[in-house]
Structures are given as structure tokens and as C-alpha cells.
Amino acid sequence: MKRPLPGKQIPKRVVKLSNAQSIDEQYGLDPVIDPGLSADGGTPGGMQFHLIECPYCGESFETPVDTSSGSARYVEDCQICCQPIEFSLQVDHAGILQSLSTLRSD
């Protein structure tokens, strides 16, 4: 390891912090999920995060919910125990989530 010579000034490095948008632009990335969306509503017709409880293991976890396609039913595995959970989304005509329910898929 090099040691600085006595009496010699070491230049300081300037570290510029970047936000997510500038990083995406720098590397040509498209954001997959908008981090500005909240779990209590988000934007109509878009991706939202919701806290759900697994009907098998009882653990809670956040999962993304896409309301852009309207009302839907689909199966997604639990992030903790990997059991299949059936999701049922009810979305109104404006694309706002009205209800989200989860059921055991067996």
C-alpha cells in the first residue's frame, strides 16, 4: 500500500450522489416498478404494492398488484412458503382498486 509523502497534499475526490432516474438514464434502463407508488392507492391503472397475508403460512409480505388490466383472478406463489395463492382483484371503470382478496388455491 502506498503511503503519502510527508508534506504532499492528497487531492480530495468529489463523490456525486445520483438519484434513481439519473442512473436509469445513464445506463439506458427502463424502470420496472415506479418506487413512488404507495401501498395505499398508488395511481389509477398502474402498479401498486399491497401487504397481504399468506392463507397457508400466515406470514405477511408485500406484493405488486397490476390494476391496468382491470378486474382479474390469478395465482401467485407465496414469497415465504411457496404455496399457490389465488388473488382476486376488483377494479372500477377508472382503474382504481376496489378490493383485493387472497384464497388458498387447493
N, C-alpha and C. Protein backbone atom coordinates (compact mmCIF):
# COMPACT_ATOMS: atom_id res chain seq x y z
N MET A 1 0.84 -1.18 0.00
CA MET A 1 0.00 0.00 0.00
C MET A 1 0.89 1.24 0.00
N LYS A 2 0.59 2.16 -0.87
CA LYS A 2 1.38 3.39 -0.94
C LYS A 2 1.00 4.32 0.19
N ARG A 3 2.02 4.96 0.71
CA ARG A 3 1.78 5.94 1.76
C ARG A 3 2.09 7.32 1.19
N PRO A 4 1.31 8.31 1.60
CA PRO A 4 1.57 9.65 1.08
C PRO A 4 2.90 10.19 1.60
N LEU A 5 3.55 10.96 0.75
CA LEU A 5 4.80 11.59 1.14
C LEU A 5 4.51 12.72 2.12
N PRO A 6 5.38 12.87 3.10
CA PRO A 6 5.16 13.95 4.07
C PRO A 6 5.16 15.31 3.36
N GLY A 7 4.21 16.13 3.73
CA GLY A 7 4.12 17.47 3.17
C GLY A 7 3.40 17.54 1.83
N LYS A 8 3.03 16.41 1.25
CA LYS A 8 2.35 16.42 -0.04
C LYS A 8 0.84 16.35 0.18
N GLN A 9 0.13 17.23 -0.47
CA GLN A 9 -1.33 17.32 -0.35
C GLN A 9 -1.99 16.24 -1.21
N ILE A 10 -2.91 15.48 -0.63
CA ILE A 10 -3.65 14.47 -1.39
C ILE A 10 -4.94 15.12 -1.89
N PRO A 11 -5.18 15.06 -3.21
CA PRO A 11 -6.41 15.68 -3.71
C PRO A 11 -7.63 14.90 -3.21
N LYS A 12 -8.67 15.65 -2.82
CA LYS A 12 -9.89 15.02 -2.34
C LYS A 12 -10.78 14.69 -3.53
N ARG A 13 -11.41 13.53 -3.45
CA ARG A 13 -12.33 13.11 -4.50
C ARG A 13 -13.72 13.63 -4.19
N VAL A 14 -14.36 14.12 -5.20
CA VAL A 14 -15.72 14.59 -5.05
C VAL A 14 -16.65 13.47 -5.52
N VAL A 15 -17.51 13.03 -4.62
CA VAL A 15 -18.45 11.97 -4.95
C VAL A 15 -19.81 12.61 -5.17
N LYS A 16 -20.34 12.41 -6.36
CA LYS A 16 -21.64 12.97 -6.68
C LYS A 16 -22.69 11.87 -6.52
N LEU A 17 -23.67 12.11 -5.66
CA LEU A 17 -24.72 11.15 -5.46
C LEU A 17 -25.76 11.29 -6.58
N SER A 18 -26.29 10.15 -7.03
CA SER A 18 -27.26 10.15 -8.11
C SER A 18 -28.60 9.66 -7.61
N ASN A 19 -29.64 10.13 -8.26
CA ASN A 19 -30.95 9.59 -7.95
C ASN A 19 -31.27 8.47 -8.93
N ALA A 20 -32.33 7.74 -8.67
CA ALA A 20 -32.68 6.56 -9.49
C ALA A 20 -32.90 6.94 -10.95
N GLN A 21 -33.51 8.09 -11.20
CA GLN A 21 -33.80 8.50 -12.57
C GLN A 21 -32.52 8.74 -13.36
N SER A 22 -31.53 9.40 -12.76
CA SER A 22 -30.29 9.67 -13.48
C SER A 22 -29.51 8.38 -13.73
N ILE A 23 -29.60 7.42 -12.81
CA ILE A 23 -28.94 6.13 -13.02
C ILE A 23 -29.60 5.39 -14.17
N ASP A 24 -30.93 5.40 -14.21
CA ASP A 24 -31.65 4.76 -15.31
C ASP A 24 -31.26 5.38 -16.65
N GLU A 25 -31.17 6.71 -16.69
CA GLU A 25 -30.80 7.40 -17.93
C GLU A 25 -29.37 7.08 -18.33
N GLN A 26 -28.47 7.03 -17.36
CA GLN A 26 -27.06 6.77 -17.63
C GLN A 26 -26.85 5.40 -18.26
N TYR A 27 -27.57 4.39 -17.77
CA TYR A 27 -27.39 3.03 -18.26
C TYR A 27 -28.47 2.60 -19.25
N GLY A 28 -29.38 3.50 -19.63
CA GLY A 28 -30.41 3.18 -20.60
C GLY A 28 -31.44 2.19 -20.09
N LEU A 29 -31.78 2.27 -18.80
CA LEU A 29 -32.72 1.35 -18.19
C LEU A 29 -34.13 1.93 -18.15
N ASP A 30 -35.11 1.06 -18.25
CA ASP A 30 -36.50 1.44 -18.06
C ASP A 30 -36.92 0.98 -16.68
N PRO A 31 -37.53 1.85 -15.87
CA PRO A 31 -37.96 1.40 -14.55
C PRO A 31 -39.08 0.37 -14.68
N VAL A 32 -38.98 -0.70 -13.90
CA VAL A 32 -39.98 -1.76 -13.94
C VAL A 32 -41.16 -1.39 -13.08
N ILE A 33 -40.90 -0.95 -11.86
CA ILE A 33 -41.95 -0.56 -10.93
C ILE A 33 -41.61 0.83 -10.41
N ASP A 34 -42.57 1.72 -10.48
CA ASP A 34 -42.35 3.08 -10.01
C ASP A 34 -42.25 3.09 -8.49
N PRO A 35 -41.08 3.44 -7.92
CA PRO A 35 -40.93 3.41 -6.47
C PRO A 35 -41.75 4.47 -5.76
N GLY A 36 -42.30 5.43 -6.50
CA GLY A 36 -43.11 6.48 -5.89
C GLY A 36 -44.52 6.06 -5.56
N LEU A 37 -44.94 4.87 -5.98
CA LEU A 37 -46.29 4.42 -5.69
C LEU A 37 -46.37 3.93 -4.27
N SER A 38 -47.50 4.21 -3.64
CA SER A 38 -47.67 3.76 -2.26
C SER A 38 -48.59 2.57 -2.18
N ALA A 39 -48.54 1.88 -1.06
CA ALA A 39 -49.38 0.69 -0.87
C ALA A 39 -50.83 1.06 -0.62
N ASP A 40 -51.12 2.31 -0.36
CA ASP A 40 -52.49 2.68 -0.04
C ASP A 40 -53.20 3.36 -1.20
N GLY A 41 -52.84 3.05 -2.43
CA GLY A 41 -53.58 3.63 -3.53
C GLY A 41 -52.80 3.71 -4.80
N GLY A 42 -51.60 4.30 -4.76
CA GLY A 42 -50.83 4.42 -6.00
C GLY A 42 -51.56 5.27 -7.01
N THR A 43 -51.40 4.95 -8.27
CA THR A 43 -52.07 5.68 -9.32
C THR A 43 -53.08 4.78 -9.98
N PRO A 44 -54.18 5.34 -10.49
CA PRO A 44 -55.17 4.51 -11.17
C PRO A 44 -54.55 3.84 -12.40
N GLY A 45 -54.91 2.57 -12.61
CA GLY A 45 -54.46 1.86 -13.80
C GLY A 45 -52.98 1.57 -13.82
N GLY A 46 -52.36 1.34 -12.69
CA GLY A 46 -50.93 1.08 -12.67
C GLY A 46 -50.54 0.03 -11.65
N MET A 47 -49.25 -0.02 -11.37
CA MET A 47 -48.70 -0.99 -10.44
C MET A 47 -48.74 -0.41 -9.03
N GLN A 48 -49.18 -1.22 -8.08
CA GLN A 48 -49.26 -0.82 -6.68
C GLN A 48 -48.70 -1.95 -5.82
N PHE A 49 -48.18 -1.62 -4.65
CA PHE A 49 -47.73 -2.64 -3.70
C PHE A 49 -48.78 -2.78 -2.60
N HIS A 50 -49.08 -4.02 -2.24
CA HIS A 50 -50.05 -4.28 -1.18
C HIS A 50 -49.50 -5.32 -0.23
N LEU A 51 -49.76 -5.12 1.05
CA LEU A 51 -49.37 -6.06 2.08
C LEU A 51 -50.46 -7.11 2.18
N ILE A 52 -50.08 -8.37 1.98
CA ILE A 52 -51.05 -9.46 2.09
C ILE A 52 -50.56 -10.48 3.11
N GLU A 53 -51.47 -11.32 3.58
CA GLU A 53 -51.12 -12.39 4.50
C GLU A 53 -51.36 -13.71 3.79
N CYS A 54 -50.37 -14.57 3.80
CA CYS A 54 -50.46 -15.87 3.15
C CYS A 54 -51.52 -16.72 3.85
N PRO A 55 -52.48 -17.28 3.10
CA PRO A 55 -53.50 -18.12 3.72
C PRO A 55 -52.97 -19.49 4.17
N TYR A 56 -51.75 -19.83 3.81
CA TYR A 56 -51.13 -21.10 4.22
C TYR A 56 -50.28 -20.92 5.47
N CYS A 57 -49.24 -20.08 5.38
CA CYS A 57 -48.29 -19.96 6.49
C CYS A 57 -48.59 -18.80 7.43
N GLY A 58 -49.47 -17.86 7.02
CA GLY A 58 -49.84 -16.74 7.87
C GLY A 58 -48.86 -15.59 7.88
N GLU A 59 -47.76 -15.70 7.14
CA GLU A 59 -46.77 -14.62 7.07
C GLU A 59 -47.28 -13.49 6.18
N SER A 60 -46.92 -12.26 6.52
CA SER A 60 -47.28 -11.10 5.71
C SER A 60 -46.11 -10.71 4.83
N PHE A 61 -46.41 -10.27 3.59
CA PHE A 61 -45.39 -9.78 2.69
C PHE A 61 -46.03 -8.83 1.69
N GLU A 62 -45.21 -7.94 1.12
CA GLU A 62 -45.69 -7.01 0.11
C GLU A 62 -45.57 -7.64 -1.26
N THR A 63 -46.58 -7.44 -2.08
CA THR A 63 -46.55 -7.97 -3.44
C THR A 63 -47.07 -6.90 -4.40
N PRO A 64 -46.52 -6.82 -5.61
CA PRO A 64 -47.02 -5.85 -6.58
C PRO A 64 -48.36 -6.33 -7.16
N VAL A 65 -49.27 -5.39 -7.37
CA VAL A 65 -50.57 -5.68 -7.96
C VAL A 65 -50.76 -4.74 -9.14
N ASP A 66 -51.05 -5.30 -10.31
CA ASP A 66 -51.23 -4.52 -11.53
C ASP A 66 -52.72 -4.33 -11.80
N THR A 67 -53.18 -3.08 -11.71
CA THR A 67 -54.59 -2.79 -11.94
C THR A 67 -54.87 -2.29 -13.35
N SER A 68 -53.85 -2.24 -14.20
CA SER A 68 -54.02 -1.68 -15.54
C SER A 68 -54.90 -2.54 -16.44
N SER A 69 -55.06 -3.83 -16.11
CA SER A 69 -55.89 -4.72 -16.94
C SER A 69 -57.30 -4.86 -16.42
N GLY A 70 -57.64 -4.15 -15.38
CA GLY A 70 -58.98 -4.24 -14.81
C GLY A 70 -59.08 -5.38 -13.81
N SER A 71 -60.31 -5.80 -13.52
CA SER A 71 -60.54 -6.88 -12.57
C SER A 71 -59.91 -8.17 -13.10
N ALA A 72 -59.38 -8.98 -12.18
CA ALA A 72 -58.68 -10.19 -12.61
C ALA A 72 -58.60 -11.20 -11.48
N ARG A 73 -58.38 -12.45 -11.86
CA ARG A 73 -58.07 -13.54 -10.93
C ARG A 73 -56.81 -14.22 -11.44
N TYR A 74 -55.86 -14.47 -10.54
CA TYR A 74 -54.62 -15.12 -10.94
C TYR A 74 -54.01 -15.82 -9.74
N VAL A 75 -53.05 -16.68 -9.99
CA VAL A 75 -52.36 -17.43 -8.94
C VAL A 75 -50.91 -16.98 -8.89
N GLU A 76 -50.44 -16.72 -7.67
CA GLU A 76 -49.05 -16.33 -7.44
C GLU A 76 -48.56 -17.10 -6.22
N ASP A 77 -47.31 -17.54 -6.25
CA ASP A 77 -46.76 -18.29 -5.12
C ASP A 77 -46.42 -17.37 -3.96
N CYS A 78 -46.60 -17.88 -2.74
CA CYS A 78 -46.21 -17.16 -1.53
C CYS A 78 -44.70 -16.96 -1.56
N GLN A 79 -44.23 -15.77 -1.19
CA GLN A 79 -42.81 -15.47 -1.18
C GLN A 79 -42.08 -16.15 -0.03
N ILE A 80 -42.83 -16.67 0.95
CA ILE A 80 -42.21 -17.30 2.11
C ILE A 80 -42.26 -18.83 1.99
N CYS A 81 -43.48 -19.40 1.81
CA CYS A 81 -43.63 -20.86 1.83
C CYS A 81 -43.84 -21.48 0.44
N CYS A 82 -43.92 -20.67 -0.60
CA CYS A 82 -44.04 -21.11 -2.00
C CYS A 82 -45.35 -21.83 -2.33
N GLN A 83 -46.36 -21.72 -1.48
CA GLN A 83 -47.66 -22.32 -1.78
C GLN A 83 -48.43 -21.39 -2.73
N PRO A 84 -49.30 -21.95 -3.60
CA PRO A 84 -50.04 -21.12 -4.56
C PRO A 84 -51.19 -20.36 -3.91
N ILE A 85 -51.19 -19.04 -4.10
CA ILE A 85 -52.24 -18.17 -3.55
C ILE A 85 -53.06 -17.65 -4.71
N GLU A 86 -54.39 -17.74 -4.60
CA GLU A 86 -55.27 -17.22 -5.64
C GLU A 86 -55.65 -15.78 -5.27
N PHE A 87 -55.32 -14.86 -6.17
CA PHE A 87 -55.62 -13.45 -5.98
C PHE A 87 -56.88 -13.10 -6.76
N SER A 88 -57.73 -12.27 -6.17
CA SER A 88 -58.92 -11.79 -6.86
C SER A 88 -58.95 -10.27 -6.72
N LEU A 89 -58.83 -9.58 -7.86
CA LEU A 89 -58.82 -8.11 -7.88
C LEU A 89 -60.14 -7.59 -8.43
N GLN A 90 -60.70 -6.60 -7.78
CA GLN A 90 -61.88 -5.90 -8.30
C GLN A 90 -61.45 -4.46 -8.55
N VAL A 91 -61.49 -4.05 -9.82
CA VAL A 91 -61.05 -2.72 -10.23
C VAL A 91 -62.22 -2.00 -10.88
N ASP A 92 -62.45 -0.73 -10.52
CA ASP A 92 -63.57 0.01 -11.12
C ASP A 92 -63.22 0.51 -12.52
N HIS A 93 -64.18 1.18 -13.16
CA HIS A 93 -64.00 1.65 -14.54
C HIS A 93 -62.88 2.68 -14.69
N ALA A 94 -62.51 3.35 -13.59
CA ALA A 94 -61.43 4.34 -13.63
C ALA A 94 -60.06 3.71 -13.37
N GLY A 95 -60.02 2.41 -13.10
CA GLY A 95 -58.76 1.74 -12.86
C GLY A 95 -58.30 1.78 -11.41
N ILE A 96 -59.22 2.10 -10.50
CA ILE A 96 -58.88 2.17 -9.08
C ILE A 96 -59.28 0.86 -8.41
N LEU A 97 -58.34 0.31 -7.64
CA LEU A 97 -58.57 -0.97 -6.96
C LEU A 97 -59.65 -0.81 -5.91
N GLN A 98 -60.71 -1.61 -6.02
CA GLN A 98 -61.80 -1.59 -5.05
C GLN A 98 -61.61 -2.64 -3.96
N SER A 99 -61.14 -3.84 -4.36
CA SER A 99 -60.90 -4.88 -3.36
C SER A 99 -59.84 -5.86 -3.86
N LEU A 100 -59.15 -6.45 -2.90
CA LEU A 100 -58.14 -7.47 -3.18
C LEU A 100 -58.35 -8.57 -2.16
N SER A 101 -58.59 -9.79 -2.63
CA SER A 101 -58.73 -10.92 -1.70
C SER A 101 -57.80 -12.04 -2.11
N THR A 102 -57.38 -12.80 -1.12
CA THR A 102 -56.48 -13.93 -1.35
C THR A 102 -57.12 -15.19 -0.77
N LEU A 103 -56.98 -16.30 -1.48
CA LEU A 103 -57.54 -17.58 -1.07
C LEU A 103 -56.51 -18.67 -1.27
N ARG A 104 -56.68 -19.76 -0.52
CA ARG A 104 -55.88 -20.95 -0.77
C ARG A 104 -56.25 -21.50 -2.14
N SER A 105 -55.29 -22.01 -2.85
CA SER A 105 -55.55 -22.49 -4.19
C SER A 105 -55.71 -24.01 -4.23
N ASP A 106 -55.96 -24.64 -3.08
CA ASP A 106 -56.12 -26.09 -3.08
C ASP A 106 -57.55 -26.51 -2.87
